[in-house]
């Protein structure tokens, strides 16, 4: 979202700079960032990305990564499942984490950066959980924004089904983003295993998923394509840092 030449930022991403922590804290106009991981994942995945931000001038105390208590989604979102979380539970946990990040930094708004299922929680919070009043920017890498399949017979009720009421509500309206919050999506051209027209990577080889390679993109967002990268590289790799 920044306007610096990409070649410059890539150099900075790969060759860390030494920045005075005091200078970074007192002169940074940028919002604190909350990083949200995906299904079954952990905050630790964001570590190298946090290092990139820090080495390029972001104060370490303005970079936060949430570790979801139960990071795996329920098979059916509306049905309780031991050790798994619903979309509402994920949203509530994210909301509380954002409130704490705001308290620690004394700011009005934060930026949210998410991968995969993290996009669902972020979008749900911004659209349905009052998050638009607390969030300035959203960056979603490899977001399952239209599901990993669209089906009336398979994965019914899953938050990863584009036919679910959850995703249909998130994607309703002329735009699929929330006014007043700047949205960016980052996706692969065709190497994200969860954005494939064929279901071979989700146990349905030879069967159409109902989605396409551009399923992570959102109407109304700045949609970026990073050719040759996979589901995680579009969030955790150096080129994803450049775009973010």
Protein backbone atom coordinates (compact mmCIF):
# COMPACT_ATOMS: atom_id res chain seq x y z
CA UNK A 1 0.00 0.00 0.00
CA UNK A 2 3.00 2.27 0.42
CA UNK A 3 4.17 4.21 -2.61
CA UNK A 4 7.91 3.60 -2.47
CA UNK A 5 9.45 1.94 -5.54
CA UNK A 6 9.14 -1.83 -5.20
CA UNK A 7 12.81 -2.44 -6.01
CA UNK A 8 13.81 -0.23 -3.11
CA UNK A 9 11.50 -2.01 -0.69
CA UNK A 10 12.70 -5.41 -1.85
CA UNK A 11 16.27 -4.37 -1.12
CA UNK A 12 15.20 -3.16 2.31
CA UNK A 13 13.31 -6.39 2.95
CA UNK A 14 16.32 -8.52 2.11
CA UNK A 15 19.00 -6.29 3.62
CA UNK A 16 17.86 -5.22 7.11
CA UNK A 17 18.75 -1.74 8.31
CA UNK A 18 19.77 -0.60 11.75
CA UNK A 19 17.14 1.82 13.08
CA UNK A 20 17.06 3.57 16.42
CA UNK A 21 14.11 2.13 18.40
CA UNK A 22 13.47 5.57 19.89
CA UNK A 23 13.39 7.17 16.44
CA UNK A 24 11.01 4.51 15.18
CA UNK A 25 8.62 4.97 18.09
CA UNK A 26 8.54 8.75 18.12
CA UNK A 27 8.36 9.48 14.39
CA UNK A 28 6.34 6.61 12.90
CA UNK A 29 3.00 7.74 11.46
CA UNK A 30 2.06 4.17 10.64
CA UNK A 31 -0.62 2.25 12.55
CA UNK A 32 0.24 -0.69 14.79
CA UNK A 33 -0.17 -4.01 12.96
CA UNK A 34 -2.05 -7.07 14.20
CA UNK A 35 -1.13 -10.26 12.33
CA UNK A 36 -3.74 -13.05 12.14
CA UNK A 37 -2.74 -16.61 11.18
CA UNK A 38 -4.80 -19.22 9.37
CA UNK A 39 -6.53 -22.52 10.06
CA UNK A 40 -4.57 -24.75 12.42
CA UNK A 41 -1.61 -22.38 12.32
CA UNK A 42 0.26 -20.28 14.87
CA UNK A 43 1.45 -16.73 15.42
CA UNK A 44 5.04 -17.99 15.00
CA UNK A 45 4.58 -18.03 11.23
CA UNK A 46 4.67 -14.24 11.25
CA UNK A 47 8.07 -13.99 12.92
CA UNK A 48 10.17 -13.32 9.81
CA UNK A 49 7.61 -10.85 8.52
CA UNK A 50 7.70 -9.01 11.83
CA UNK A 51 11.51 -8.90 11.56
CA UNK A 52 11.19 -7.33 8.12
CA UNK A 53 8.91 -4.61 9.42
CA UNK A 54 11.10 -3.99 12.44
CA UNK A 55 14.34 -3.84 10.43
CA UNK A 56 12.73 -1.27 8.13
CA UNK A 57 11.73 1.14 10.86
CA UNK A 58 8.58 -0.20 12.51
CA UNK A 59 8.82 -0.12 16.29
CA UNK A 60 8.72 -3.63 17.73
CA UNK A 61 6.10 -2.61 20.28
CA UNK A 62 3.71 -1.76 17.43
CA UNK A 63 3.78 -5.26 15.92
CA UNK A 64 1.43 -7.88 17.35
CA UNK A 65 0.66 -11.48 16.31
CA UNK A 66 -2.36 -13.25 17.74
CA UNK A 67 -2.23 -16.94 18.68
CA UNK A 68 -5.77 -18.30 18.40
CA UNK A 69 -6.83 -20.47 21.33
CA UNK A 70 -8.50 -23.00 19.03
CA UNK A 71 -7.13 -22.29 15.56
CA UNK A 72 -8.94 -25.07 13.68
CA UNK A 73 -12.38 -24.28 12.26
CA UNK A 74 -15.42 -26.39 13.04
CA UNK A 75 -16.54 -28.84 10.37
CA UNK A 76 -19.96 -27.17 10.59
CA UNK A 77 -19.69 -23.63 11.85
CA UNK A 78 -22.97 -23.70 13.79
CA UNK A 79 -22.25 -27.03 15.53
CA UNK A 80 -19.98 -27.04 18.61
CA UNK A 81 -16.91 -29.20 18.19
CA UNK A 82 -14.37 -29.89 20.92
CA UNK A 83 -11.04 -28.16 20.39
CA UNK A 84 -12.28 -26.11 17.43
CA UNK A 85 -13.61 -22.60 17.01
CA UNK A 86 -16.54 -21.02 15.22
CA UNK A 87 -16.38 -17.90 13.09
CA UNK A 88 -17.98 -15.96 15.93
CA UNK A 89 -15.45 -17.22 18.48
CA UNK A 90 -12.57 -16.29 16.17
CA UNK A 91 -14.04 -12.82 15.68
CA UNK A 92 -14.52 -12.27 19.42
CA UNK A 93 -10.94 -13.30 20.17
CA UNK A 94 -9.60 -11.01 17.45
CA UNK A 95 -11.72 -8.13 18.73
CA UNK A 96 -10.33 -8.52 22.26
CA UNK A 97 -6.77 -8.71 20.92
CA UNK A 98 -7.23 -5.53 18.88
CA UNK A 99 -8.59 -3.73 21.93
CA UNK A 100 -5.50 -4.74 23.90
CA UNK A 101 -3.15 -3.65 21.10
CA UNK A 102 -4.90 -0.27 21.00
CA UNK A 103 -4.59 0.06 24.79
CA UNK A 104 -0.87 -0.68 24.70
CA UNK A 105 -0.13 1.75 21.87
CA UNK A 106 -2.66 4.48 22.63
CA UNK A 107 -3.92 4.68 19.03
CA UNK A 108 -7.39 4.91 17.54
CA UNK A 109 -6.93 2.38 14.76
CA UNK A 110 -4.73 -0.58 13.84
CA UNK A 111 -3.91 -2.38 10.61
CA UNK A 112 -4.88 -6.03 10.26
CA UNK A 113 -2.83 -8.50 8.21
CA UNK A 114 -4.16 -12.03 7.79
CA UNK A 115 -3.54 -15.29 5.99
CA UNK A 116 -6.03 -17.95 4.85
CA UNK A 117 -8.73 -18.47 7.52
CA UNK A 118 -7.45 -15.32 9.19
CA UNK A 119 -9.15 -13.41 6.37
CA UNK A 120 -12.52 -14.78 7.47
CA UNK A 121 -12.03 -13.61 11.05
CA UNK A 122 -10.76 -10.20 9.96
CA UNK A 123 -13.57 -9.59 7.49
CA UNK A 124 -16.18 -10.79 9.99
CA UNK A 125 -14.78 -8.45 12.65
CA UNK A 126 -14.61 -5.44 10.34
CA UNK A 127 -18.07 -5.97 8.84
CA UNK A 128 -20.06 -7.49 11.70
CA UNK A 129 -18.10 -6.96 14.91
CA UNK A 130 -17.66 -3.20 14.98
CA UNK A 131 -14.11 -3.44 13.68
CA UNK A 132 -14.52 -0.72 11.05
CA UNK A 133 -14.25 1.85 13.86
CA UNK A 134 -10.93 0.41 15.00
CA UNK A 135 -9.20 -0.61 11.76
CA UNK A 136 -7.56 1.58 9.10
CA UNK A 137 -6.03 -1.03 6.76
CA UNK A 138 -6.61 -4.70 5.96
CA UNK A 139 -4.20 -6.94 4.01
CA UNK A 140 -5.35 -10.49 3.26
CA UNK A 141 -2.90 -13.01 1.80
CA UNK A 142 -4.31 -16.22 0.36
CA UNK A 143 -7.68 -15.40 1.89
CA UNK A 144 -10.38 -18.03 1.52
CA UNK A 145 -12.73 -15.17 0.73
CA UNK A 146 -15.04 -17.13 -1.54
CA UNK A 147 -14.42 -20.52 0.02
CA UNK A 148 -12.28 -23.39 -1.17
CA UNK A 149 -15.34 -24.82 -2.91
CA UNK A 150 -18.93 -23.84 -3.62
CA UNK A 151 -21.27 -26.76 -2.98
CA UNK A 152 -24.79 -27.48 -1.72
CA UNK A 153 -23.90 -31.10 -0.91
CA UNK A 154 -20.27 -31.18 0.32
CA UNK A 155 -18.90 -29.36 3.40
CA UNK A 156 -22.37 -27.96 4.07
CA UNK A 157 -22.23 -25.37 6.83
CA UNK A 158 -18.43 -25.03 6.69
CA UNK A 159 -17.02 -21.51 6.73
CA UNK A 160 -14.82 -22.63 3.81
CA UNK A 161 -17.83 -23.30 1.59
CA UNK A 162 -18.67 -20.36 -0.65
CA UNK A 163 -22.33 -21.42 -0.47
CA UNK A 164 -22.41 -21.00 3.33
CA UNK A 165 -24.54 -18.27 4.85
CA UNK A 166 -21.39 -16.94 6.52
CA UNK A 167 -19.53 -16.27 3.28
CA UNK A 168 -22.61 -15.21 1.35
CA UNK A 169 -23.23 -12.52 3.98
CA UNK A 170 -19.60 -11.37 3.99
CA UNK A 171 -19.64 -11.10 0.20
CA UNK A 172 -23.03 -9.42 -0.13
CA UNK A 173 -23.43 -5.91 -1.47
CA UNK A 174 -21.97 -4.03 -4.43
CA UNK A 175 -18.49 -4.30 -2.89
CA UNK A 176 -17.02 -7.08 -0.79
CA UNK A 177 -15.12 -4.68 1.46
CA UNK A 178 -16.19 -2.21 4.14
CA UNK A 179 -16.27 1.49 3.36
CA UNK A 180 -13.74 3.56 5.29
CA UNK A 181 -11.22 0.72 5.62
CA UNK A 182 -8.53 0.29 2.97
CA UNK A 183 -8.42 -3.32 1.75
CA UNK A 184 -5.72 -5.19 -0.16
CA UNK A 185 -5.73 -8.84 -1.18
CA UNK A 186 -2.61 -10.71 -2.24
CA UNK A 187 -2.99 -13.94 -4.18
CA UNK A 188 -1.05 -16.37 -6.34
CA UNK A 189 -1.63 -16.52 -10.08
CA UNK A 190 -2.42 -20.27 -9.94
CA UNK A 191 -0.36 -21.99 -7.24
CA UNK A 192 -2.58 -21.52 -4.18
CA UNK A 193 -3.85 -25.02 -3.39
CA UNK A 194 -7.02 -23.55 -1.86
CA UNK A 195 -7.89 -21.47 -4.92
CA UNK A 196 -8.14 -24.11 -7.62
CA UNK A 197 -10.88 -24.87 -10.15
CA UNK A 198 -10.21 -28.60 -9.65
CA UNK A 199 -10.66 -30.21 -6.24
CA UNK A 200 -7.61 -32.46 -6.22
CA UNK A 201 -5.96 -30.61 -3.31
CA UNK A 202 -9.08 -30.82 -1.12
CA UNK A 203 -9.79 -34.51 -1.67
CA UNK A 204 -12.00 -34.20 -4.75
CA UNK A 205 -9.69 -34.81 -7.71
CA UNK A 206 -11.36 -34.31 -11.07
CA UNK A 207 -14.35 -32.50 -9.59
CA UNK A 208 -14.89 -28.77 -10.12
CA UNK A 209 -14.76 -26.63 -6.98
CA UNK A 210 -16.89 -23.81 -8.37
CA UNK A 211 -14.13 -21.27 -7.70
CA UNK A 212 -11.22 -19.98 -9.77
CA UNK A 213 -7.64 -18.88 -9.21
CA UNK A 214 -8.86 -15.38 -8.36
CA UNK A 215 -11.12 -16.53 -5.49
CA UNK A 216 -9.00 -14.67 -2.86
CA UNK A 217 -9.66 -11.32 -4.61
CA UNK A 218 -12.41 -9.00 -3.36
CA UNK A 219 -14.54 -6.50 -5.21
CA UNK A 220 -13.59 -3.02 -4.00
CA UNK A 221 -10.13 -4.02 -2.77
CA UNK A 222 -6.71 -3.40 -4.24
CA UNK A 223 -6.06 -6.90 -5.59
CA UNK A 224 -2.44 -7.93 -6.10
CA UNK A 225 -1.20 -11.04 -7.91
CA UNK A 226 2.22 -12.50 -7.07
CA UNK A 227 3.02 -15.00 -9.81
CA UNK A 228 4.52 -18.34 -8.84
CA UNK A 229 3.92 -18.07 -5.09
CA UNK A 230 1.87 -20.47 -3.00
CA UNK A 231 -0.82 -20.19 -0.32
CA UNK A 232 1.58 -19.15 2.44
CA UNK A 233 4.19 -17.27 0.45
CA UNK A 234 1.59 -14.64 -0.47
CA UNK A 235 1.52 -13.74 3.23
CA UNK A 236 4.85 -14.75 4.75
CA UNK A 237 7.37 -14.23 1.95
CA UNK A 238 9.49 -11.15 1.12
CA UNK A 239 7.35 -10.12 -1.86
CA UNK A 240 4.28 -10.18 0.36
CA UNK A 241 6.14 -7.84 2.71
CA UNK A 242 6.86 -5.50 -0.19
CA UNK A 243 3.18 -5.26 -1.10
CA UNK A 244 1.99 -4.98 2.48
